[in-house]
């Protein structure tokens, strides 16, 4: 006895709807995009640590090369940094850091020659932790409220995550800034034993970093930075 299945238009439509729903809810690899940095950004912060403080000068400029990229420069009494980021994805492919102490200056260079590390749903690839604070300005927080960071040369045993910890309005220098508060820290059971870091970015583009409370990690001293002034050539 022969049998066959008749696919009626209604049944076909139901399958299509189910397919669309499944595709929609599946989490995807997180892609960072340029938040339309204005040309000639110049930012001044004050950084406090070890009962002292210093001024931090930051500049961003677009280099219109064959493959355009941004140069992110940070200068202070204790640390200078040069970071190069892809103009579209803000992926960091080169960095130089100068750590300045009383009796020495350490100069470190990172250059990404090749990378093909896979990332899964809900994960954010971090090729270089230097300049991460500027790359997060392009994070799609409107679509993702959390992310698992995957470090190019890091161990997969320790999971460091990002998540939105609410919204706050910060008042600095007689100006109100509506911000997303972002938490960064070690996940899992071990996470309860280590302090978290917090970053406040403006909700409106270009998502300026207004304040950060950075826990001691990866050789970086615990410190707090706050915005002093911002200017750009619109």
C-alpha atoms as a PDB file:
ATOM      1  CA  UNK A   1       0.000   0.000   0.000  1.00  0.00           C
ATOM      2  CA  UNK A   2       1.467   3.288  -1.052  1.00  0.00           C
ATOM      3  CA  UNK A   3       1.253   6.296   1.232  1.00  0.00           C
ATOM      4  CA  UNK A   4       2.253   9.858   0.772  1.00  0.00           C
ATOM      5  CA  UNK A   5       2.300  13.085   2.777  1.00  0.00           C
ATOM      6  CA  UNK A   6       0.493  16.038   1.380  1.00  0.00           C
ATOM      7  CA  UNK A   7       2.110  19.399   2.316  1.00  0.00           C
ATOM      8  CA  UNK A   8      -0.772  21.788   2.417  1.00  0.00           C
ATOM      9  CA  UNK A   9      -0.082  25.557   2.159  1.00  0.00           C
ATOM     10  CA  UNK A  10      -1.154  26.007   5.784  1.00  0.00           C
ATOM     11  CA  UNK A  11       1.236  23.310   7.049  1.00  0.00           C
ATOM     12  CA  UNK A  12       4.073  24.720   4.976  1.00  0.00           C
ATOM     13  CA  UNK A  13       3.417  28.202   6.384  1.00  0.00           C
ATOM     14  CA  UNK A  14       3.532  26.853   9.934  1.00  0.00           C
ATOM     15  CA  UNK A  15       6.910  25.216   9.266  1.00  0.00           C
ATOM     16  CA  UNK A  16       8.268  28.437   7.849  1.00  0.00           C
ATOM     17  CA  UNK A  17       7.098  30.392  10.879  1.00  0.00           C
ATOM     18  CA  UNK A  18       8.722  27.839  13.200  1.00  0.00           C
ATOM     19  CA  UNK A  19      11.964  28.077  11.241  1.00  0.00           C
ATOM     20  CA  UNK A  20      11.988  31.870  11.479  1.00  0.00           C
ATOM     21  CA  UNK A  21      11.383  31.708  15.222  1.00  0.00           C
ATOM     22  CA  UNK A  22      14.206  29.224  15.761  1.00  0.00           C
ATOM     23  CA  UNK A  23      16.657  31.293  13.734  1.00  0.00           C
ATOM     24  CA  UNK A  24      15.654  34.455  15.578  1.00  0.00           C
ATOM     25  CA  UNK A  25      16.181  33.141  19.093  1.00  0.00           C
ATOM     26  CA  UNK A  26      19.515  31.454  18.451  1.00  0.00           C
ATOM     27  CA  UNK A  27      22.340  33.501  20.033  1.00  0.00           C
ATOM     28  CA  UNK A  28      25.068  34.632  17.687  1.00  0.00           C
ATOM     29  CA  UNK A  29      28.708  35.541  17.872  1.00  0.00           C
ATOM     30  CA  UNK A  30      28.941  39.142  19.053  1.00  0.00           C
ATOM     31  CA  UNK A  31      30.221  41.647  16.501  1.00  0.00           C
ATOM     32  CA  UNK A  32      31.513  45.069  17.545  1.00  0.00           C
ATOM     33  CA  UNK A  33      30.947  48.010  15.194  1.00  0.00           C
ATOM     34  CA  UNK A  34      32.251  51.550  14.916  1.00  0.00           C
ATOM     35  CA  UNK A  35      29.858  53.825  16.868  1.00  0.00           C
ATOM     36  CA  UNK A  36      30.658  56.670  14.443  1.00  0.00           C
ATOM     37  CA  UNK A  37      33.590  58.200  16.296  1.00  0.00           C
ATOM     38  CA  UNK A  38      33.686  61.906  15.496  1.00  0.00           C
ATOM     39  CA  UNK A  39      36.964  63.143  14.002  1.00  0.00           C
ATOM     40  CA  UNK A  40      39.580  64.628  16.267  1.00  0.00           C
ATOM     41  CA  UNK A  41      38.396  63.248  19.591  1.00  0.00           C
ATOM     42  CA  UNK A  42      40.318  64.594  22.575  1.00  0.00           C
ATOM     43  CA  UNK A  43      39.452  63.400  26.085  1.00  0.00           C
ATOM     44  CA  UNK A  44      40.926  64.204  29.494  1.00  0.00           C
ATOM     45  CA  UNK A  45      40.457  61.948  32.509  1.00  0.00           C
ATOM     46  CA  UNK A  46      41.680  61.979  36.077  1.00  0.00           C
ATOM     47  CA  UNK A  47      42.949  58.634  37.331  1.00  0.00           C
ATOM     48  CA  UNK A  48      43.178  57.887  41.062  1.00  0.00           C
ATOM     49  CA  UNK A  49      45.194  55.049  42.590  1.00  0.00           C
ATOM     50  CA  UNK A  50      47.329  54.370  45.683  1.00  0.00           C
ATOM     51  CA  UNK A  51      46.134  57.612  47.346  1.00  0.00           C
ATOM     52  CA  UNK A  52      47.380  59.703  44.435  1.00  0.00           C
ATOM     53  CA  UNK A  53      46.036  60.959  41.119  1.00  0.00           C
ATOM     54  CA  UNK A  54      47.216  61.900  37.648  1.00  0.00           C
ATOM     55  CA  UNK A  55      45.776  63.377  34.486  1.00  0.00           C
ATOM     56  CA  UNK A  56      45.264  61.114  31.472  1.00  0.00           C
ATOM     57  CA  UNK A  57      45.120  62.533  27.942  1.00  0.00           C
ATOM     58  CA  UNK A  58      43.406  60.462  25.233  1.00  0.00           C
ATOM     59  CA  UNK A  59      43.214  61.108  21.489  1.00  0.00           C
ATOM     60  CA  UNK A  60      41.554  59.221  18.636  1.00  0.00           C
ATOM     61  CA  UNK A  61      42.298  59.783  14.960  1.00  0.00           C
ATOM     62  CA  UNK A  62      41.344  57.975  11.778  1.00  0.00           C
ATOM     63  CA  UNK A  63      44.226  56.888   9.539  1.00  0.00           C
ATOM     64  CA  UNK A  64      42.843  56.693   5.968  1.00  0.00           C
ATOM     65  CA  UNK A  65      45.192  53.952   4.764  1.00  0.00           C
ATOM     66  CA  UNK A  66      44.352  51.204   2.253  1.00  0.00           C
ATOM     67  CA  UNK A  67      42.544  49.511   5.140  1.00  0.00           C
ATOM     68  CA  UNK A  68      41.472  52.433   7.386  1.00  0.00           C
ATOM     69  CA  UNK A  69      42.178  52.146  11.086  1.00  0.00           C
ATOM     70  CA  UNK A  70      42.053  54.257  14.237  1.00  0.00           C
ATOM     71  CA  UNK A  71      45.000  55.288  16.345  1.00  0.00           C
ATOM     72  CA  UNK A  72      44.110  55.496  20.027  1.00  0.00           C
ATOM     73  CA  UNK A  73      46.736  57.284  22.115  1.00  0.00           C
ATOM     74  CA  UNK A  74      46.778  57.579  25.881  1.00  0.00           C
ATOM     75  CA  UNK A  75      49.401  59.513  27.834  1.00  0.00           C
ATOM     76  CA  UNK A  76      49.953  59.946  31.566  1.00  0.00           C
ATOM     77  CA  UNK A  77      52.821  60.169  34.047  1.00  0.00           C
ATOM     78  CA  UNK A  78      52.725  56.436  34.775  1.00  0.00           C
ATOM     79  CA  UNK A  79      51.671  54.881  31.475  1.00  0.00           C
ATOM     80  CA  UNK A  80      51.575  55.667  27.759  1.00  0.00           C
ATOM     81  CA  UNK A  81      49.771  53.570  25.173  1.00  0.00           C
ATOM     82  CA  UNK A  82      49.323  53.427  21.409  1.00  0.00           C
ATOM     83  CA  UNK A  83      46.620  51.129  20.028  1.00  0.00           C
ATOM     84  CA  UNK A  84      45.576  50.515  16.415  1.00  0.00           C
ATOM     85  CA  UNK A  85      42.017  49.350  15.749  1.00  0.00           C
ATOM     86  CA  UNK A  86      40.228  48.289  12.582  1.00  0.00           C
ATOM     87  CA  UNK A  87      37.961  51.165  11.511  1.00  0.00           C
ATOM     88  CA  UNK A  88      34.891  48.914  11.146  1.00  0.00           C
ATOM     89  CA  UNK A  89      35.154  46.095  13.692  1.00  0.00           C
ATOM     90  CA  UNK A  90      37.382  47.963  16.191  1.00  0.00           C
ATOM     91  CA  UNK A  91      39.447  44.798  16.454  1.00  0.00           C
ATOM     92  CA  UNK A  92      42.833  45.642  17.959  1.00  0.00           C
ATOM     93  CA  UNK A  93      45.710  44.411  15.821  1.00  0.00           C
ATOM     94  CA  UNK A  94      48.644  46.377  17.268  1.00  0.00           C
ATOM     95  CA  UNK A  95      49.552  47.963  20.589  1.00  0.00           C
ATOM     96  CA  UNK A  96      52.510  49.534  22.338  1.00  0.00           C
ATOM     97  CA  UNK A  97      52.622  50.203  26.071  1.00  0.00           C
ATOM     98  CA  UNK A  98      55.185  52.146  28.086  1.00  0.00           C
ATOM     99  CA  UNK A  99      55.080  51.489  31.844  1.00  0.00           C
ATOM    100  CA  UNK A 100      56.955  54.300  33.580  1.00  0.00           C
ATOM    101  CA  UNK A 101      58.378  53.782  37.050  1.00  0.00           C
ATOM    102  CA  UNK A 102      60.795  55.831  39.141  1.00  0.00           C
ATOM    103  CA  UNK A 103      63.891  53.984  37.945  1.00  0.00           C
ATOM    104  CA  UNK A 104      62.777  52.329  34.711  1.00  0.00           C
ATOM    105  CA  UNK A 105      60.503  52.403  31.688  1.00  0.00           C
ATOM    106  CA  UNK A 106      59.192  49.141  30.239  1.00  0.00           C
ATOM    107  CA  UNK A 107      58.174  49.073  26.572  1.00  0.00           C
ATOM    108  CA  UNK A 108      55.944  46.248  25.355  1.00  0.00           C
ATOM    109  CA  UNK A 109      54.735  45.665  21.758  1.00  0.00           C
ATOM    110  CA  UNK A 110      51.904  43.360  20.671  1.00  0.00           C
ATOM    111  CA  UNK A 111      51.310  42.743  16.976  1.00  0.00           C
ATOM    112  CA  UNK A 112      48.649  40.352  15.725  1.00  0.00           C
ATOM    113  CA  UNK A 113      50.099  38.702  12.620  1.00  0.00           C
ATOM    114  CA  UNK A 114      47.382  36.089  12.220  1.00  0.00           C
ATOM    115  CA  UNK A 115      44.390  34.898  14.208  1.00  0.00           C
ATOM    116  CA  UNK A 116      41.748  32.286  13.492  1.00  0.00           C
ATOM    117  CA  UNK A 117      40.464  31.452  16.956  1.00  0.00           C
ATOM    118  CA  UNK A 118      36.824  30.367  16.770  1.00  0.00           C
ATOM    119  CA  UNK A 119      34.167  32.019  18.894  1.00  0.00           C
ATOM    120  CA  UNK A 120      30.730  30.736  19.703  1.00  0.00           C
ATOM    121  CA  UNK A 121      27.308  32.208  20.451  1.00  0.00           C
ATOM    122  CA  UNK A 122      27.360  35.083  22.910  1.00  0.00           C
ATOM    123  CA  UNK A 123      31.151  35.318  22.868  1.00  0.00           C
ATOM    124  CA  UNK A 124      33.341  38.348  22.175  1.00  0.00           C
ATOM    125  CA  UNK A 125      36.842  37.767  20.832  1.00  0.00           C
ATOM    126  CA  UNK A 126      39.512  39.926  22.500  1.00  0.00           C
ATOM    127  CA  UNK A 127      42.741  39.841  20.508  1.00  0.00           C
ATOM    128  CA  UNK A 128      44.505  42.369  22.744  1.00  0.00           C
ATOM    129  CA  UNK A 129      43.394  43.636  26.148  1.00  0.00           C
ATOM    130  CA  UNK A 130      45.197  46.946  25.663  1.00  0.00           C
ATOM    131  CA  UNK A 131      42.624  49.547  24.672  1.00  0.00           C
ATOM    132  CA  UNK A 132      39.683  47.293  25.527  1.00  0.00           C
ATOM    133  CA  UNK A 133      37.929  50.292  27.085  1.00  0.00           C
ATOM    134  CA  UNK A 134      37.708  52.050  23.713  1.00  0.00           C
ATOM    135  CA  UNK A 135      36.666  48.922  21.820  1.00  0.00           C
ATOM    136  CA  UNK A 136      33.734  48.437  24.206  1.00  0.00           C
ATOM    137  CA  UNK A 137      32.365  51.769  23.006  1.00  0.00           C
ATOM    138  CA  UNK A 138      31.223  49.851  19.929  1.00  0.00           C
ATOM    139  CA  UNK A 139      29.660  46.927  21.791  1.00  0.00           C
ATOM    140  CA  UNK A 140      26.026  46.349  20.686  1.00  0.00           C
ATOM    141  CA  UNK A 141      24.455  46.717  24.135  1.00  0.00           C
ATOM    142  CA  UNK A 142      21.077  47.478  22.594  1.00  0.00           C
ATOM    143  CA  UNK A 143      20.983  43.859  21.318  1.00  0.00           C
ATOM    144  CA  UNK A 144      23.113  42.006  23.889  1.00  0.00           C
ATOM    145  CA  UNK A 145      22.973  42.477  27.652  1.00  0.00           C
ATOM    146  CA  UNK A 146      25.941  40.204  28.354  1.00  0.00           C
ATOM    147  CA  UNK A 147      28.941  38.557  26.725  1.00  0.00           C
ATOM    148  CA  UNK A 148      31.619  35.998  27.429  1.00  0.00           C
ATOM    149  CA  UNK A 149      35.082  37.278  26.569  1.00  0.00           C
ATOM    150  CA  UNK A 150      37.396  34.936  24.681  1.00  0.00           C
ATOM    151  CA  UNK A 151      41.033  36.013  24.793  1.00  0.00           C
ATOM    152  CA  UNK A 152      43.228  35.169  21.824  1.00  0.00           C
ATOM    153  CA  UNK A 153      46.104  33.917  23.991  1.00  0.00           C
ATOM    154  CA  UNK A 154      44.203  33.321  27.190  1.00  0.00           C
ATOM    155  CA  UNK A 155      43.143  30.160  28.955  1.00  0.00           C
ATOM    156  CA  UNK A 156      39.633  28.830  28.366  1.00  0.00           C
ATOM    157  CA  UNK A 157      39.523  27.587  31.965  1.00  0.00           C
ATOM    158  CA  UNK A 158      38.801  31.029  33.399  1.00  0.00           C
ATOM    159  CA  UNK A 159      35.738  32.790  32.050  1.00  0.00           C
ATOM    160  CA  UNK A 160      35.575  36.580  32.179  1.00  0.00           C
ATOM    161  CA  UNK A 161      32.195  38.031  31.373  1.00  0.00           C
ATOM    162  CA  UNK A 162      30.559  41.374  30.647  1.00  0.00           C
ATOM    163  CA  UNK A 163      27.018  42.328  31.524  1.00  0.00           C
ATOM    164  CA  UNK A 164      24.803  45.374  31.914  1.00  0.00           C
ATOM    165  CA  UNK A 165      24.390  46.293  35.570  1.00  0.00           C
ATOM    166  CA  UNK A 166      21.668  48.867  35.013  1.00  0.00           C
ATOM    167  CA  UNK A 167      21.604  52.529  34.048  1.00  0.00           C
ATOM    168  CA  UNK A 168      22.807  55.478  36.063  1.00  0.00           C
ATOM    169  CA  UNK A 169      23.016  59.214  35.550  1.00  0.00           C
ATOM    170  CA  UNK A 170      26.424  60.529  36.550  1.00  0.00           C
ATOM    171  CA  UNK A 171      26.989  64.211  37.213  1.00  0.00           C
ATOM    172  CA  UNK A 172      30.533  65.360  36.528  1.00  0.00           C
ATOM    173  CA  UNK A 173      31.737  68.939  36.105  1.00  0.00           C
ATOM    174  CA  UNK A 174      28.166  70.293  36.132  1.00  0.00           C
ATOM    175  CA  UNK A 175      27.125  67.945  33.315  1.00  0.00           C
ATOM    176  CA  UNK A 176      24.721  65.003  33.534  1.00  0.00           C
ATOM    177  CA  UNK A 177      25.569  61.834  31.608  1.00  0.00           C
ATOM    178  CA  UNK A 178      23.018  59.049  31.191  1.00  0.00           C
ATOM    179  CA  UNK A 179      25.118  55.886  31.227  1.00  0.00           C
ATOM    180  CA  UNK A 180      24.959  52.136  30.970  1.00  0.00           C
ATOM    181  CA  UNK A 181      26.844  50.586  33.870  1.00  0.00           C
ATOM    182  CA  UNK A 182      28.848  47.595  32.657  1.00  0.00           C
ATOM    183  CA  UNK A 183      30.229  44.935  34.975  1.00  0.00           C
ATOM    184  CA  UNK A 184      33.295  42.888  34.040  1.00  0.00           C
ATOM    185  CA  UNK A 185      34.610  40.012  36.094  1.00  0.00           C
ATOM    186  CA  UNK A 186      35.476  36.380  36.524  1.00  0.00           C
ATOM    187  CA  UNK A 187      32.485  34.073  36.315  1.00  0.00           C
ATOM    188  CA  UNK A 188      31.603  30.820  38.023  1.00  0.00           C
ATOM    189  CA  UNK A 189      32.395  29.816  41.602  1.00  0.00           C
ATOM    190  CA  UNK A 190      35.804  31.541  41.566  1.00  0.00           C
ATOM    191  CA  UNK A 191      34.161  34.806  40.561  1.00  0.00           C
ATOM    192  CA  UNK A 192      32.749  35.271  44.043  1.00  0.00           C
ATOM    193  CA  UNK A 193      36.299  35.570  45.432  1.00  0.00           C
ATOM    194  CA  UNK A 194      37.555  38.235  43.024  1.00  0.00           C
ATOM    195  CA  UNK A 195      36.470  41.886  42.731  1.00  0.00           C
ATOM    196  CA  UNK A 196      34.590  43.123  39.676  1.00  0.00           C
ATOM    197  CA  UNK A 197      35.397  46.070  37.436  1.00  0.00           C
ATOM    198  CA  UNK A 198      32.740  48.600  36.376  1.00  0.00           C
ATOM    199  CA  UNK A 199      32.531  50.924  33.379  1.00  0.00           C
ATOM    200  CA  UNK A 200      30.020  53.693  32.683  1.00  0.00           C
ATOM    201  CA  UNK A 201      29.431  54.504  28.988  1.00  0.00           C
ATOM    202  CA  UNK A 202      27.026  57.121  27.696  1.00  0.00           C
ATOM    203  CA  UNK A 203      23.839  55.613  26.313  1.00  0.00           C
ATOM    204  CA  UNK A 204      23.939  57.984  23.350  1.00  0.00           C
ATOM    205  CA  UNK A 205      26.608  57.573  20.642  1.00  0.00           C
ATOM    206  CA  UNK A 206      29.538  57.778  20.449  1.00  0.00           C
ATOM    207  CA  UNK A 207      29.301  56.023  23.837  1.00  0.00           C
ATOM    208  CA  UNK A 208      31.971  57.943  25.736  1.00  0.00           C
ATOM    209  CA  UNK A 209      33.586  56.294  28.731  1.00  0.00           C
ATOM    210  CA  UNK A 210      32.604  58.549  31.642  1.00  0.00           C
ATOM    211  CA  UNK A 211      33.854  56.585  34.637  1.00  0.00           C
ATOM    212  CA  UNK A 212      35.616  53.306  35.390  1.00  0.00           C
ATOM    213  CA  UNK A 213      36.362  51.435  38.596  1.00  0.00           C
ATOM    214  CA  UNK A 214      39.008  48.916  37.571  1.00  0.00           C
ATOM    215  CA  UNK A 215      39.948  46.041  39.854  1.00  0.00           C
ATOM    216  CA  UNK A 216      43.550  44.884  40.095  1.00  0.00           C
ATOM    217  CA  UNK A 217      44.185  42.367  37.314  1.00  0.00           C
ATOM    218  CA  UNK A 218      46.696  41.400  34.626  1.00  0.00           C
ATOM    219  CA  UNK A 219      49.392  43.491  36.280  1.00  0.00           C
ATOM    220  CA  UNK A 220      47.206  46.595  36.325  1.00  0.00           C
ATOM    221  CA  UNK A 221      46.807  48.421  39.636  1.00  0.00           C
ATOM    222  CA  UNK A 222      43.293  48.992  40.920  1.00  0.00           C
ATOM    223  CA  UNK A 223      42.234  52.508  39.962  1.00  0.00           C
ATOM    224  CA  UNK A 224      39.328  54.836  39.258  1.00  0.00           C
ATOM    225  CA  UNK A 225      39.089  57.165  36.279  1.00  0.00           C
ATOM    226  CA  UNK A 226      36.595  59.969  35.692  1.00  0.00           C
ATOM    227  CA  UNK A 227      35.921  62.201  32.730  1.00  0.00           C
ATOM    228  CA  UNK A 228      37.217  65.760  33.020  1.00  0.00           C
ATOM    229  CA  UNK A 229      36.637  67.109  29.503  1.00  0.00           C
ATOM    230  CA  UNK A 230      35.645  65.960  26.020  1.00  0.00           C
ATOM    231  CA  UNK A 231      35.975  67.640  22.629  1.00  0.00           C
ATOM    232  CA  UNK A 232      35.721  66.588  18.992  1.00  0.00           C
ATOM    233  CA  UNK A 233      35.744  68.170  15.536  1.00  0.00           C
ATOM    234  CA  UNK A 234      32.168  67.555  14.423  1.00  0.00           C
END
